[in-house]
Amino acid sequence: MEMMNLKPAFARKVNQQGLSPLHIAVKQGHKEMALRFLEMDNDLVRVKGKNGKTPLHFLSEAGNHDGMLDRILEICPQCIQYVPIENRNALHIAVENNRLDVLQVLIRTLWKTDYYREVVNQIDEDGNTALQLAAFHNQPESLNYY
């Protein structure tokens, strides 16, 4: 944190594995550290790491540990709109990883926005929406959130 105070640009740098400090904090489940980064600069959630993934995409794979996803979406709800290289948004990733806990939070957050339809109807590089992926992967529980 001290390094970020001295040189804020450090927080936007990615390491050799393509991870920013926020990516690492999220990936390791360090909620307090991740939230402190975002308090300093809520735009850090936009930093794209390896394969264009943002910290939100990492959470979409790993789950809503300790309510970290809820807090990040409170700080930066528009980060749901970010799409990595493969045109898969956070909904796609949550469905592909069968993360119902994440899907529930994402949909609940999206309902409060004017870009709900845009995100829900986003198609990946194969032409599938997250809803179509849920049906394809036989995840009826996921279908209930839409």
N, C-alpha and C. Protein backbone atom coordinates (compact mmCIF):
# COMPACT_ATOMS: atom_id res chain seq x y z
N MET A 1 0.83 -1.19 0.00
CA MET A 1 0.00 0.00 0.00
C MET A 1 0.87 1.25 0.00
N GLU A 2 1.96 1.17 0.73
CA GLU A 2 2.87 2.31 0.78
C GLU A 2 3.45 2.60 -0.60
N MET A 3 3.78 1.55 -1.33
CA MET A 3 4.31 1.73 -2.68
C MET A 3 3.26 2.40 -3.58
N MET A 4 2.02 2.04 -3.41
CA MET A 4 0.96 2.66 -4.22
C MET A 4 0.78 4.12 -3.85
N ASN A 5 0.95 4.44 -2.56
CA ASN A 5 0.84 5.83 -2.15
C ASN A 5 1.96 6.66 -2.79
N LEU A 6 3.15 6.08 -2.86
CA LEU A 6 4.29 6.80 -3.42
C LEU A 6 4.24 6.86 -4.94
N LYS A 7 3.78 5.78 -5.56
CA LYS A 7 3.73 5.73 -7.02
C LYS A 7 2.44 5.02 -7.45
N PRO A 8 1.34 5.78 -7.58
CA PRO A 8 0.05 5.17 -7.91
C PRO A 8 0.04 4.37 -9.21
N ALA A 9 0.88 4.71 -10.16
CA ALA A 9 0.91 3.99 -11.43
C ALA A 9 1.32 2.53 -11.26
N PHE A 10 1.98 2.23 -10.16
CA PHE A 10 2.40 0.86 -9.87
C PHE A 10 1.21 -0.09 -9.86
N ALA A 11 0.07 0.38 -9.40
CA ALA A 11 -1.12 -0.48 -9.28
C ALA A 11 -1.67 -0.91 -10.63
N ARG A 12 -1.29 -0.24 -11.69
CA ARG A 12 -1.78 -0.57 -13.03
C ARG A 12 -0.83 -1.49 -13.80
N LYS A 13 0.32 -1.73 -13.24
CA LYS A 13 1.32 -2.57 -13.89
C LYS A 13 0.98 -4.03 -13.70
N VAL A 14 1.26 -4.83 -14.73
CA VAL A 14 1.06 -6.27 -14.61
C VAL A 14 2.42 -6.95 -14.53
N ASN A 15 2.47 -8.05 -13.80
CA ASN A 15 3.71 -8.79 -13.65
C ASN A 15 3.91 -9.73 -14.85
N GLN A 16 4.91 -10.57 -14.76
CA GLN A 16 5.22 -11.47 -15.88
C GLN A 16 4.09 -12.47 -16.15
N GLN A 17 3.28 -12.74 -15.15
CA GLN A 17 2.14 -13.64 -15.34
C GLN A 17 0.91 -12.90 -15.86
N GLY A 18 1.04 -11.60 -16.07
CA GLY A 18 -0.07 -10.81 -16.58
C GLY A 18 -1.08 -10.43 -15.53
N LEU A 19 -0.63 -10.26 -14.28
CA LEU A 19 -1.53 -9.93 -13.17
C LEU A 19 -1.14 -8.61 -12.52
N SER A 20 -2.12 -7.77 -12.28
CA SER A 20 -1.91 -6.53 -11.54
C SER A 20 -1.99 -6.84 -10.05
N PRO A 21 -1.61 -5.89 -9.18
CA PRO A 21 -1.77 -6.13 -7.75
C PRO A 21 -3.22 -6.45 -7.35
N LEU A 22 -4.19 -5.80 -8.00
CA LEU A 22 -5.59 -6.11 -7.69
C LEU A 22 -5.97 -7.50 -8.15
N HIS A 23 -5.50 -7.92 -9.32
CA HIS A 23 -5.74 -9.29 -9.78
C HIS A 23 -5.24 -10.29 -8.73
N ILE A 24 -4.03 -10.05 -8.25
CA ILE A 24 -3.42 -10.97 -7.28
C ILE A 24 -4.22 -11.00 -5.99
N ALA A 25 -4.61 -9.83 -5.50
CA ALA A 25 -5.38 -9.76 -4.26
C ALA A 25 -6.71 -10.51 -4.41
N VAL A 26 -7.37 -10.32 -5.53
CA VAL A 26 -8.65 -11.00 -5.78
C VAL A 26 -8.43 -12.50 -5.91
N LYS A 27 -7.42 -12.88 -6.68
CA LYS A 27 -7.15 -14.30 -6.92
C LYS A 27 -6.81 -15.03 -5.62
N GLN A 28 -6.10 -14.34 -4.72
CA GLN A 28 -5.71 -14.95 -3.45
C GLN A 28 -6.78 -14.83 -2.37
N GLY A 29 -7.88 -14.14 -2.69
CA GLY A 29 -8.96 -14.00 -1.72
C GLY A 29 -8.68 -12.99 -0.62
N HIS A 30 -7.81 -12.03 -0.89
CA HIS A 30 -7.46 -11.00 0.09
C HIS A 30 -8.42 -9.81 -0.07
N LYS A 31 -9.60 -9.98 0.50
CA LYS A 31 -10.68 -9.00 0.34
C LYS A 31 -10.29 -7.61 0.81
N GLU A 32 -9.74 -7.50 2.00
CA GLU A 32 -9.41 -6.18 2.54
C GLU A 32 -8.38 -5.46 1.68
N MET A 33 -7.39 -6.19 1.21
CA MET A 33 -6.37 -5.59 0.36
C MET A 33 -7.00 -5.13 -0.96
N ALA A 34 -7.82 -5.96 -1.55
CA ALA A 34 -8.48 -5.60 -2.81
C ALA A 34 -9.34 -4.34 -2.63
N LEU A 35 -10.07 -4.29 -1.55
CA LEU A 35 -10.94 -3.13 -1.31
C LEU A 35 -10.13 -1.87 -1.04
N ARG A 36 -8.99 -2.00 -0.39
CA ARG A 36 -8.12 -0.83 -0.17
C ARG A 36 -7.58 -0.32 -1.49
N PHE A 37 -7.20 -1.22 -2.39
CA PHE A 37 -6.76 -0.80 -3.71
C PHE A 37 -7.86 0.01 -4.40
N LEU A 38 -9.08 -0.52 -4.33
CA LEU A 38 -10.20 0.13 -5.01
C LEU A 38 -10.60 1.45 -4.35
N GLU A 39 -10.40 1.55 -3.05
CA GLU A 39 -10.66 2.82 -2.38
C GLU A 39 -9.69 3.89 -2.87
N MET A 40 -8.47 3.48 -3.16
CA MET A 40 -7.47 4.42 -3.66
C MET A 40 -7.78 4.83 -5.10
N ASP A 41 -8.26 3.87 -5.88
CA ASP A 41 -8.55 4.12 -7.30
C ASP A 41 -9.53 3.06 -7.79
N ASN A 42 -10.82 3.41 -7.85
CA ASN A 42 -11.81 2.41 -8.25
C ASN A 42 -11.69 2.04 -9.73
N ASP A 43 -10.90 2.76 -10.48
CA ASP A 43 -10.69 2.45 -11.88
C ASP A 43 -9.73 1.26 -12.07
N LEU A 44 -9.11 0.81 -10.99
CA LEU A 44 -8.19 -0.32 -11.08
C LEU A 44 -8.91 -1.59 -11.52
N VAL A 45 -10.20 -1.64 -11.31
CA VAL A 45 -10.98 -2.82 -11.70
C VAL A 45 -11.03 -2.95 -13.22
N ARG A 46 -10.66 -1.90 -13.94
CA ARG A 46 -10.63 -1.92 -15.41
C ARG A 46 -9.32 -2.49 -15.97
N VAL A 47 -8.31 -2.62 -15.13
CA VAL A 47 -7.01 -3.08 -15.62
C VAL A 47 -7.14 -4.49 -16.16
N LYS A 48 -6.72 -4.65 -17.41
CA LYS A 48 -6.80 -5.95 -18.05
C LYS A 48 -5.48 -6.68 -17.87
N GLY A 49 -5.59 -7.90 -17.45
CA GLY A 49 -4.42 -8.75 -17.27
C GLY A 49 -4.32 -9.76 -18.41
N LYS A 50 -3.79 -10.90 -18.08
CA LYS A 50 -3.60 -11.97 -19.05
C LYS A 50 -4.92 -12.30 -19.74
N ASN A 51 -4.88 -12.44 -21.05
CA ASN A 51 -6.05 -12.75 -21.87
C ASN A 51 -7.15 -11.70 -21.75
N GLY A 52 -6.80 -10.50 -21.33
CA GLY A 52 -7.78 -9.42 -21.23
C GLY A 52 -8.69 -9.51 -20.03
N LYS A 53 -8.40 -10.40 -19.10
CA LYS A 53 -9.28 -10.58 -17.95
C LYS A 53 -9.08 -9.48 -16.92
N THR A 54 -10.19 -9.01 -16.39
CA THR A 54 -10.17 -8.04 -15.31
C THR A 54 -10.31 -8.80 -13.98
N PRO A 55 -10.11 -8.12 -12.85
CA PRO A 55 -10.33 -8.79 -11.56
C PRO A 55 -11.74 -9.37 -11.42
N LEU A 56 -12.73 -8.71 -12.03
CA LEU A 56 -14.10 -9.24 -11.97
C LEU A 56 -14.19 -10.61 -12.64
N HIS A 57 -13.47 -10.79 -13.72
CA HIS A 57 -13.49 -12.08 -14.41
C HIS A 57 -12.86 -13.17 -13.53
N PHE A 58 -11.82 -12.81 -12.77
CA PHE A 58 -11.24 -13.78 -11.84
C PHE A 58 -12.26 -14.18 -10.78
N LEU A 59 -13.00 -13.20 -10.25
CA LEU A 59 -14.03 -13.50 -9.25
C LEU A 59 -15.14 -14.35 -9.84
N SER A 60 -15.45 -14.13 -11.10
CA SER A 60 -16.49 -14.91 -11.76
C SER A 60 -16.11 -16.38 -11.88
N GLU A 61 -14.82 -16.65 -11.92
CA GLU A 61 -14.33 -18.04 -11.93
C GLU A 61 -14.27 -18.63 -10.54
N ALA A 62 -13.76 -17.84 -9.60
CA ALA A 62 -13.46 -18.35 -8.26
C ALA A 62 -14.65 -18.33 -7.30
N GLY A 63 -15.56 -17.40 -7.47
CA GLY A 63 -16.70 -17.31 -6.58
C GLY A 63 -16.71 -16.05 -5.75
N ASN A 64 -17.82 -15.84 -5.07
CA ASN A 64 -18.04 -14.63 -4.27
C ASN A 64 -17.56 -14.86 -2.84
N HIS A 65 -16.29 -15.11 -2.69
CA HIS A 65 -15.73 -15.39 -1.38
C HIS A 65 -15.84 -14.18 -0.45
N ASP A 66 -16.44 -14.41 0.69
CA ASP A 66 -16.52 -13.40 1.73
C ASP A 66 -17.21 -12.11 1.25
N GLY A 67 -18.07 -12.23 0.25
CA GLY A 67 -18.79 -11.07 -0.25
C GLY A 67 -17.95 -10.09 -1.04
N MET A 68 -16.77 -10.52 -1.51
CA MET A 68 -15.88 -9.62 -2.23
C MET A 68 -16.54 -9.11 -3.51
N LEU A 69 -17.24 -9.96 -4.22
CA LEU A 69 -17.89 -9.54 -5.47
C LEU A 69 -18.92 -8.46 -5.19
N ASP A 70 -19.71 -8.63 -4.15
CA ASP A 70 -20.72 -7.64 -3.79
C ASP A 70 -20.07 -6.27 -3.57
N ARG A 71 -18.98 -6.25 -2.83
CA ARG A 71 -18.30 -4.99 -2.53
C ARG A 71 -17.69 -4.35 -3.77
N ILE A 72 -17.08 -5.16 -4.63
CA ILE A 72 -16.48 -4.62 -5.85
C ILE A 72 -17.56 -4.03 -6.75
N LEU A 73 -18.70 -4.70 -6.83
CA LEU A 73 -19.79 -4.18 -7.67
C LEU A 73 -20.44 -2.95 -7.06
N GLU A 74 -20.39 -2.80 -5.75
CA GLU A 74 -20.86 -1.57 -5.11
C GLU A 74 -19.96 -0.41 -5.51
N ILE A 75 -18.66 -0.66 -5.53
CA ILE A 75 -17.69 0.37 -5.85
C ILE A 75 -17.71 0.71 -7.34
N CYS A 76 -17.84 -0.30 -8.17
CA CYS A 76 -17.77 -0.10 -9.62
C CYS A 76 -18.76 -1.02 -10.36
N PRO A 77 -20.06 -0.70 -10.30
CA PRO A 77 -21.04 -1.58 -10.94
C PRO A 77 -20.88 -1.69 -12.46
N GLN A 78 -20.36 -0.66 -13.09
CA GLN A 78 -20.21 -0.70 -14.55
C GLN A 78 -19.13 -1.66 -15.02
N CYS A 79 -18.32 -2.21 -14.10
CA CYS A 79 -17.28 -3.15 -14.51
C CYS A 79 -17.89 -4.44 -15.09
N ILE A 80 -19.17 -4.68 -14.86
CA ILE A 80 -19.85 -5.84 -15.44
C ILE A 80 -19.82 -5.77 -16.96
N GLN A 81 -19.74 -4.58 -17.50
CA GLN A 81 -19.76 -4.40 -18.95
C GLN A 81 -18.45 -4.79 -19.62
N TYR A 82 -17.38 -4.93 -18.87
CA TYR A 82 -16.07 -5.20 -19.46
C TYR A 82 -16.02 -6.61 -20.03
N VAL A 83 -15.45 -6.71 -21.20
CA VAL A 83 -15.41 -7.97 -21.92
C VAL A 83 -13.96 -8.30 -22.28
N PRO A 84 -13.48 -9.48 -21.91
CA PRO A 84 -12.11 -9.85 -22.31
C PRO A 84 -12.03 -10.20 -23.79
N ILE A 85 -10.88 -10.58 -24.22
CA ILE A 85 -10.58 -10.82 -25.64
C ILE A 85 -11.57 -11.77 -26.31
N GLU A 86 -11.98 -12.81 -25.64
CA GLU A 86 -12.85 -13.84 -26.25
C GLU A 86 -14.32 -13.45 -26.25
N ASN A 87 -14.63 -12.17 -25.98
CA ASN A 87 -16.00 -11.67 -25.94
C ASN A 87 -16.86 -12.37 -24.89
N ARG A 88 -16.24 -12.86 -23.85
CA ARG A 88 -16.98 -13.49 -22.76
C ARG A 88 -17.01 -12.51 -21.59
N ASN A 89 -18.20 -12.09 -21.20
CA ASN A 89 -18.29 -11.20 -20.05
C ASN A 89 -18.36 -12.02 -18.76
N ALA A 90 -18.54 -11.34 -17.65
CA ALA A 90 -18.57 -12.02 -16.35
C ALA A 90 -19.68 -13.05 -16.26
N LEU A 91 -20.81 -12.80 -16.92
CA LEU A 91 -21.91 -13.78 -16.91
C LEU A 91 -21.49 -15.07 -17.60
N HIS A 92 -20.85 -14.94 -18.76
CA HIS A 92 -20.37 -16.13 -19.47
C HIS A 92 -19.44 -16.95 -18.58
N ILE A 93 -18.51 -16.26 -17.95
CA ILE A 93 -17.50 -16.94 -17.13
C ILE A 93 -18.15 -17.61 -15.93
N ALA A 94 -19.11 -16.93 -15.30
CA ALA A 94 -19.80 -17.53 -14.15
C ALA A 94 -20.55 -18.79 -14.56
N VAL A 95 -21.23 -18.75 -15.69
CA VAL A 95 -21.97 -19.92 -16.17
C VAL A 95 -21.01 -21.05 -16.52
N GLU A 96 -19.94 -20.73 -17.23
CA GLU A 96 -18.97 -21.76 -17.62
C GLU A 96 -18.34 -22.45 -16.42
N ASN A 97 -18.25 -21.74 -15.30
CA ASN A 97 -17.66 -22.30 -14.09
C ASN A 97 -18.71 -22.75 -13.08
N ASN A 98 -19.99 -22.74 -13.51
CA ASN A 98 -21.11 -23.15 -12.66
C ASN A 98 -21.10 -22.43 -11.32
N ARG A 99 -20.87 -21.11 -11.37
CA ARG A 99 -20.81 -20.28 -10.17
C ARG A 99 -22.15 -19.58 -9.96
N LEU A 100 -23.09 -20.31 -9.37
CA LEU A 100 -24.42 -19.74 -9.13
C LEU A 100 -24.36 -18.56 -8.17
N ASP A 101 -23.43 -18.61 -7.20
CA ASP A 101 -23.29 -17.51 -6.26
C ASP A 101 -22.91 -16.22 -6.98
N VAL A 102 -22.03 -16.33 -7.96
CA VAL A 102 -21.60 -15.17 -8.74
C VAL A 102 -22.72 -14.71 -9.67
N LEU A 103 -23.34 -15.63 -10.34
CA LEU A 103 -24.41 -15.30 -11.28
C LEU A 103 -25.54 -14.55 -10.57
N GLN A 104 -25.89 -14.99 -9.39
CA GLN A 104 -26.96 -14.33 -8.64
C GLN A 104 -26.60 -12.87 -8.34
N VAL A 105 -25.37 -12.62 -7.91
CA VAL A 105 -24.94 -11.25 -7.59
C VAL A 105 -24.87 -10.40 -8.86
N LEU A 106 -24.34 -10.97 -9.93
CA LEU A 106 -24.23 -10.22 -11.18
C LEU A 106 -25.60 -9.81 -11.71
N ILE A 107 -26.53 -10.75 -11.76
CA ILE A 107 -27.87 -10.45 -12.27
C ILE A 107 -28.58 -9.45 -11.36
N ARG A 108 -28.46 -9.63 -10.06
CA ARG A 108 -29.07 -8.69 -9.12
C ARG A 108 -28.53 -7.28 -9.34
N THR A 109 -27.25 -7.16 -9.58
CA THR A 109 -26.64 -5.85 -9.84
C THR A 109 -27.09 -5.30 -11.18
N LEU A 110 -27.15 -6.16 -12.19
CA LEU A 110 -27.55 -5.71 -13.52
C LEU A 110 -28.99 -5.20 -13.57
N TRP A 111 -29.86 -5.80 -12.79
CA TRP A 111 -31.27 -5.36 -12.77
C TRP A 111 -31.39 -3.89 -12.43
N LYS A 112 -30.44 -3.37 -11.69
CA LYS A 112 -30.48 -1.97 -11.25
C LYS A 112 -29.89 -1.01 -12.28
N THR A 113 -29.47 -1.52 -13.42
CA THR A 113 -28.79 -0.68 -14.40
C THR A 113 -29.62 -0.51 -15.67
N ASP A 114 -29.19 0.43 -16.50
CA ASP A 114 -29.86 0.61 -17.78
C ASP A 114 -29.16 -0.19 -18.89
N TYR A 115 -28.12 -0.93 -18.54
CA TYR A 115 -27.41 -1.75 -19.53
C TYR A 115 -27.63 -3.25 -19.30
N TYR A 116 -28.68 -3.60 -18.57
CA TYR A 116 -29.00 -5.00 -18.30
C TYR A 116 -29.08 -5.81 -19.59
N ARG A 117 -29.91 -5.36 -20.52
CA ARG A 117 -30.12 -6.11 -21.77
C ARG A 117 -28.82 -6.24 -22.56
N GLU A 118 -28.06 -5.17 -22.61
CA GLU A 118 -26.79 -5.19 -23.36
C GLU A 118 -25.86 -6.29 -22.85
N VAL A 119 -25.72 -6.38 -21.53
CA VAL A 119 -24.80 -7.35 -20.94
C VAL A 119 -25.36 -8.77 -21.06
N VAL A 120 -26.62 -8.95 -20.77
CA VAL A 120 -27.25 -10.27 -20.84
C VAL A 120 -27.24 -10.82 -22.27
N ASN A 121 -27.37 -9.93 -23.25
CA ASN A 121 -27.42 -10.36 -24.65
C ASN A 121 -26.06 -10.37 -25.33
N GLN A 122 -24.99 -10.07 -24.60
CA GLN A 122 -23.64 -10.10 -25.17
C GLN A 122 -23.32 -11.51 -25.65
N ILE A 123 -22.84 -11.62 -26.89
CA ILE A 123 -22.48 -12.94 -27.41
C ILE A 123 -20.97 -13.12 -27.39
N ASP A 124 -20.55 -14.34 -27.11
CA ASP A 124 -19.13 -14.65 -27.09
C ASP A 124 -18.65 -14.93 -28.51
N GLU A 125 -17.40 -15.31 -28.64
CA GLU A 125 -16.83 -15.52 -29.97
C GLU A 125 -17.50 -16.67 -30.72
N ASP A 126 -18.20 -17.54 -30.00
CA ASP A 126 -18.92 -18.64 -30.63
C ASP A 126 -20.38 -18.29 -30.92
N GLY A 127 -20.78 -17.06 -30.59
CA GLY A 127 -22.14 -16.61 -30.86
C GLY A 127 -23.15 -16.96 -29.78
N ASN A 128 -22.67 -17.30 -28.58
CA ASN A 128 -23.57 -17.69 -27.49
C ASN A 128 -23.68 -16.60 -26.43
N THR A 129 -24.90 -16.42 -25.93
CA THR A 129 -25.09 -15.59 -24.74
C THR A 129 -24.84 -16.48 -23.52
N ALA A 130 -24.73 -15.87 -22.35
CA ALA A 130 -24.55 -16.66 -21.13
C ALA A 130 -25.76 -17.55 -20.88
N LEU A 131 -26.94 -17.06 -21.21
CA LEU A 131 -28.17 -17.85 -21.05
C LEU A 131 -28.13 -19.10 -21.94
N GLN A 132 -27.66 -18.95 -23.16
CA GLN A 132 -27.54 -20.10 -24.05
C GLN A 132 -26.52 -21.10 -23.51
N LEU A 133 -25.43 -20.59 -22.94
CA LEU A 133 -24.43 -21.49 -22.35
C LEU A 133 -25.01 -22.26 -21.18
N ALA A 134 -25.83 -21.58 -20.36
CA ALA A 134 -26.46 -22.26 -19.23
C ALA A 134 -27.36 -23.39 -19.70
N ALA A 135 -28.10 -23.14 -20.76
CA ALA A 135 -28.96 -24.19 -21.32
C ALA A 135 -28.12 -25.32 -21.90
N PHE A 136 -27.06 -24.97 -22.62
CA PHE A 136 -26.18 -25.97 -23.23
C PHE A 136 -25.52 -26.86 -22.18
N HIS A 137 -25.10 -26.26 -21.06
CA HIS A 137 -24.42 -27.01 -19.99
C HIS A 137 -25.41 -27.62 -18.99
N ASN A 138 -26.69 -27.59 -19.34
CA ASN A 138 -27.73 -28.19 -18.50
C ASN A 138 -27.66 -27.66 -17.06
N GLN A 139 -27.77 -26.35 -16.95
CA GLN A 139 -27.74 -25.69 -15.65
C GLN A 139 -29.07 -25.00 -15.40
N PRO A 140 -30.10 -25.76 -15.10
CA PRO A 140 -31.42 -25.15 -14.92
C PRO A 140 -31.46 -24.13 -13.79
N GLU A 141 -30.61 -24.30 -12.77
CA GLU A 141 -30.57 -23.34 -11.67
C GLU A 141 -30.14 -21.98 -12.18
N SER A 142 -29.21 -21.96 -13.13
CA SER A 142 -28.73 -20.70 -13.71
C SER A 142 -29.83 -20.00 -14.46
N LEU A 143 -30.66 -20.78 -15.13
CA LEU A 143 -31.73 -20.19 -15.93
C LEU A 143 -32.72 -19.42 -15.08
N ASN A 144 -32.87 -19.80 -13.82
CA ASN A 144 -33.81 -19.14 -12.93
C ASN A 144 -33.44 -17.70 -12.62
N TYR A 145 -32.18 -17.33 -12.74
CA TYR A 145 -31.75 -15.98 -12.39
C TYR A 145 -32.06 -14.96 -13.47
N TYR A 146 -32.28 -15.42 -14.68
CA TYR A 146 -32.57 -14.50 -15.76
C TYR A 146 -34.01 -14.13 -15.71
